[in-house]
Amino acid sequence: MSRAPTPSLGSSQLAQPPQEAAVCNSNPLERADAPLVESDLLLQGQREIRIAHNGVTYRLQATRLGKLILTK
Protein backbone atom coordinates (compact mmCIF):
# COMPACT_ATOMS: atom_id res chain seq x y z
CA MET A 1 0.00 0.00 0.00
CA SER A 2 1.53 3.31 -1.05
CA ARG A 3 1.12 6.58 0.79
CA ALA A 4 0.41 9.91 -0.81
CA PRO A 5 3.31 12.29 -0.35
CA THR A 6 2.94 14.68 2.57
CA PRO A 7 3.15 18.29 1.40
CA SER A 8 5.98 20.21 3.00
CA LEU A 9 5.30 23.51 4.70
CA GLY A 10 7.20 26.57 3.61
CA SER A 11 8.63 28.99 6.15
CA SER A 12 5.82 31.50 5.50
CA GLN A 13 3.21 28.86 6.36
CA LEU A 14 5.01 27.93 9.58
CA ALA A 15 4.92 31.56 10.77
CA GLN A 16 1.11 31.69 10.43
CA PRO A 17 -0.83 30.89 13.61
CA PRO A 18 -3.31 28.03 13.27
CA GLN A 19 -6.91 28.98 12.46
CA GLU A 20 -8.06 27.81 15.88
CA ALA A 21 -5.87 30.45 17.54
CA ALA A 22 -8.20 33.15 16.20
CA VAL A 23 -11.06 31.94 18.42
CA CYS A 24 -12.30 34.53 20.93
CA ASN A 25 -10.88 34.19 24.45
CA SER A 26 -14.20 34.92 26.20
CA ASN A 27 -15.47 32.46 28.77
CA PRO A 28 -18.00 30.17 27.05
CA LEU A 29 -19.85 29.73 30.36
CA GLU A 30 -20.66 33.45 30.62
CA ARG A 31 -23.61 34.81 28.70
CA ALA A 32 -24.00 38.54 28.23
CA ASP A 33 -27.79 38.27 28.66
CA ALA A 34 -27.66 36.18 31.87
CA PRO A 35 -28.70 38.10 34.99
CA LEU A 36 -25.91 39.11 37.37
CA VAL A 37 -26.72 38.86 41.08
CA GLU A 38 -24.29 40.21 43.66
CA SER A 39 -23.38 37.61 46.28
CA ASP A 40 -24.01 40.22 49.00
CA LEU A 41 -27.68 40.27 47.99
CA LEU A 42 -27.91 36.50 48.36
CA LEU A 43 -25.94 36.22 51.58
CA GLN A 44 -27.39 39.36 53.27
CA GLY A 45 -24.53 39.57 55.76
CA GLN A 46 -24.54 35.84 56.50
CA ARG A 47 -21.58 33.53 55.83
CA GLU A 48 -23.91 30.72 54.75
CA ILE A 49 -27.35 30.33 53.16
CA ARG A 50 -29.39 27.38 51.98
CA ILE A 51 -30.81 27.34 48.45
CA ALA A 52 -33.75 25.13 47.46
CA HIS A 53 -33.59 23.98 43.83
CA ASN A 54 -35.76 21.26 42.25
CA GLY A 55 -36.50 19.66 45.61
CA VAL A 56 -32.83 19.59 46.67
CA THR A 57 -31.28 21.86 49.30
CA TYR A 58 -27.85 23.32 48.54
CA ARG A 59 -25.56 25.24 50.86
CA LEU A 60 -23.75 28.38 49.68
CA GLN A 61 -20.85 29.43 51.92
CA ALA A 62 -18.57 32.46 51.81
CA THR A 63 -15.05 31.61 52.96
CA ARG A 64 -12.73 33.86 54.96
CA LEU A 65 -10.73 34.35 51.75
CA GLY A 66 -13.80 35.71 49.93
CA LYS A 67 -14.49 32.62 47.82
CA LEU A 68 -17.84 30.90 47.42
CA ILE A 69 -18.50 27.19 47.96
CA LEU A 70 -21.74 25.57 46.76
CA THR A 71 -22.44 22.07 48.10
CA LYS A 72 -25.37 19.67 48.07
C-alpha atoms as a PDB file:
ATOM      1  CA  MET A   1       0.000   0.000   0.000  1.00  0.00           C
ATOM      2  CA  SER A   2       1.526   3.310  -1.054  1.00  0.00           C
ATOM      3  CA  ARG A   3       1.118   6.582   0.794  1.00  0.00           C
ATOM      4  CA  ALA A   4       0.408   9.905  -0.807  1.00  0.00           C
ATOM      5  CA  PRO A   5       3.312  12.293  -0.353  1.00  0.00           C
ATOM      6  CA  THR A   6       2.940  14.680   2.566  1.00  0.00           C
ATOM      7  CA  PRO A   7       3.150  18.293   1.401  1.00  0.00           C
ATOM      8  CA  SER A   8       5.976  20.213   3.001  1.00  0.00           C
ATOM      9  CA  LEU A   9       5.299  23.507   4.703  1.00  0.00           C
ATOM     10  CA  GLY A  10       7.202  26.566   3.607  1.00  0.00           C
ATOM     11  CA  SER A  11       8.629  28.990   6.153  1.00  0.00           C
ATOM     12  CA  SER A  12       5.818  31.496   5.497  1.00  0.00           C
ATOM     13  CA  GLN A  13       3.215  28.858   6.365  1.00  0.00           C
ATOM     14  CA  LEU A  14       5.007  27.933   9.582  1.00  0.00           C
ATOM     15  CA  ALA A  15       4.918  31.557  10.766  1.00  0.00           C
ATOM     16  CA  GLN A  16       1.113  31.688  10.435  1.00  0.00           C
ATOM     17  CA  PRO A  17      -0.835  30.888  13.609  1.00  0.00           C
ATOM     18  CA  PRO A  18      -3.312  28.031  13.269  1.00  0.00           C
ATOM     19  CA  GLN A  19      -6.907  28.978  12.456  1.00  0.00           C
ATOM     20  CA  GLU A  20      -8.056  27.806  15.881  1.00  0.00           C
ATOM     21  CA  ALA A  21      -5.865  30.453  17.542  1.00  0.00           C
ATOM     22  CA  ALA A  22      -8.198  33.152  16.201  1.00  0.00           C
ATOM     23  CA  VAL A  23     -11.057  31.943  18.421  1.00  0.00           C
ATOM     24  CA  CYS A  24     -12.295  34.531  20.927  1.00  0.00           C
ATOM     25  CA  ASN A  25     -10.880  34.189  24.452  1.00  0.00           C
ATOM     26  CA  SER A  26     -14.200  34.918  26.202  1.00  0.00           C
ATOM     27  CA  ASN A  27     -15.469  32.464  28.769  1.00  0.00           C
ATOM     28  CA  PRO A  28     -18.003  30.166  27.051  1.00  0.00           C
ATOM     29  CA  LEU A  29     -19.851  29.729  30.362  1.00  0.00           C
ATOM     30  CA  GLU A  30     -20.656  33.448  30.618  1.00  0.00           C
ATOM     31  CA  ARG A  31     -23.613  34.807  28.700  1.00  0.00           C
ATOM     32  CA  ALA A  32     -24.003  38.542  28.234  1.00  0.00           C
ATOM     33  CA  ASP A  33     -27.793  38.272  28.659  1.00  0.00           C
ATOM     34  CA  ALA A  34     -27.659  36.179  31.870  1.00  0.00           C
ATOM     35  CA  PRO A  35     -28.698  38.104  34.987  1.00  0.00           C
ATOM     36  CA  LEU A  36     -25.909  39.110  37.369  1.00  0.00           C
ATOM     37  CA  VAL A  37     -26.723  38.856  41.081  1.00  0.00           C
ATOM     38  CA  GLU A  38     -24.292  40.205  43.663  1.00  0.00           C
ATOM     39  CA  SER A  39     -23.384  37.607  46.283  1.00  0.00           C
ATOM     40  CA  ASP A  40     -24.011  40.219  49.002  1.00  0.00           C
ATOM     41  CA  LEU A  41     -27.684  40.272  47.994  1.00  0.00           C
ATOM     42  CA  LEU A  42     -27.910  36.505  48.357  1.00  0.00           C
ATOM     43  CA  LEU A  43     -25.940  36.217  51.583  1.00  0.00           C
ATOM     44  CA  GLN A  44     -27.392  39.363  53.266  1.00  0.00           C
ATOM     45  CA  GLY A  45     -24.531  39.569  55.763  1.00  0.00           C
ATOM     46  CA  GLN A  46     -24.539  35.838  56.505  1.00  0.00           C
ATOM     47  CA  ARG A  47     -21.584  33.525  55.832  1.00  0.00           C
ATOM     48  CA  GLU A  48     -23.913  30.715  54.751  1.00  0.00           C
ATOM     49  CA  ILE A  49     -27.346  30.325  53.163  1.00  0.00           C
ATOM     50  CA  ARG A  50     -29.392  27.384  51.979  1.00  0.00           C
ATOM     51  CA  ILE A  51     -30.808  27.343  48.451  1.00  0.00           C
ATOM     52  CA  ALA A  52     -33.754  25.126  47.459  1.00  0.00           C
ATOM     53  CA  HIS A  53     -33.588  23.980  43.827  1.00  0.00           C
ATOM     54  CA  ASN A  54     -35.765  21.259  42.253  1.00  0.00           C
ATOM     55  CA  GLY A  55     -36.496  19.664  45.614  1.00  0.00           C
ATOM     56  CA  VAL A  56     -32.833  19.591  46.670  1.00  0.00           C
ATOM     57  CA  THR A  57     -31.278  21.861  49.304  1.00  0.00           C
ATOM     58  CA  TYR A  58     -27.852  23.317  48.537  1.00  0.00           C
ATOM     59  CA  ARG A  59     -25.555  25.237  50.860  1.00  0.00           C
ATOM     60  CA  LEU A  60     -23.755  28.384  49.681  1.00  0.00           C
ATOM     61  CA  GLN A  61     -20.854  29.425  51.918  1.00  0.00           C
ATOM     62  CA  ALA A  62     -18.574  32.456  51.807  1.00  0.00           C
ATOM     63  CA  THR A  63     -15.050  31.608  52.964  1.00  0.00           C
ATOM     64  CA  ARG A  64     -12.730  33.863  54.958  1.00  0.00           C
ATOM     65  CA  LEU A  65     -10.732  34.347  51.751  1.00  0.00           C
ATOM     66  CA  GLY A  66     -13.795  35.705  49.935  1.00  0.00           C
ATOM     67  CA  LYS A  67     -14.487  32.622  47.820  1.00  0.00           C
ATOM     68  CA  LEU A  68     -17.844  30.895  47.419  1.00  0.00           C
ATOM     69  CA  ILE A  69     -18.504  27.193  47.957  1.00  0.00           C
ATOM     70  CA  LEU A  70     -21.739  25.568  46.758  1.00  0.00           C
ATOM     71  CA  THR A  71     -22.436  22.065  48.104  1.00  0.00           C
ATOM     72  CA  LYS A  72     -25.369  19.667  48.066  1.00  0.00           C
END
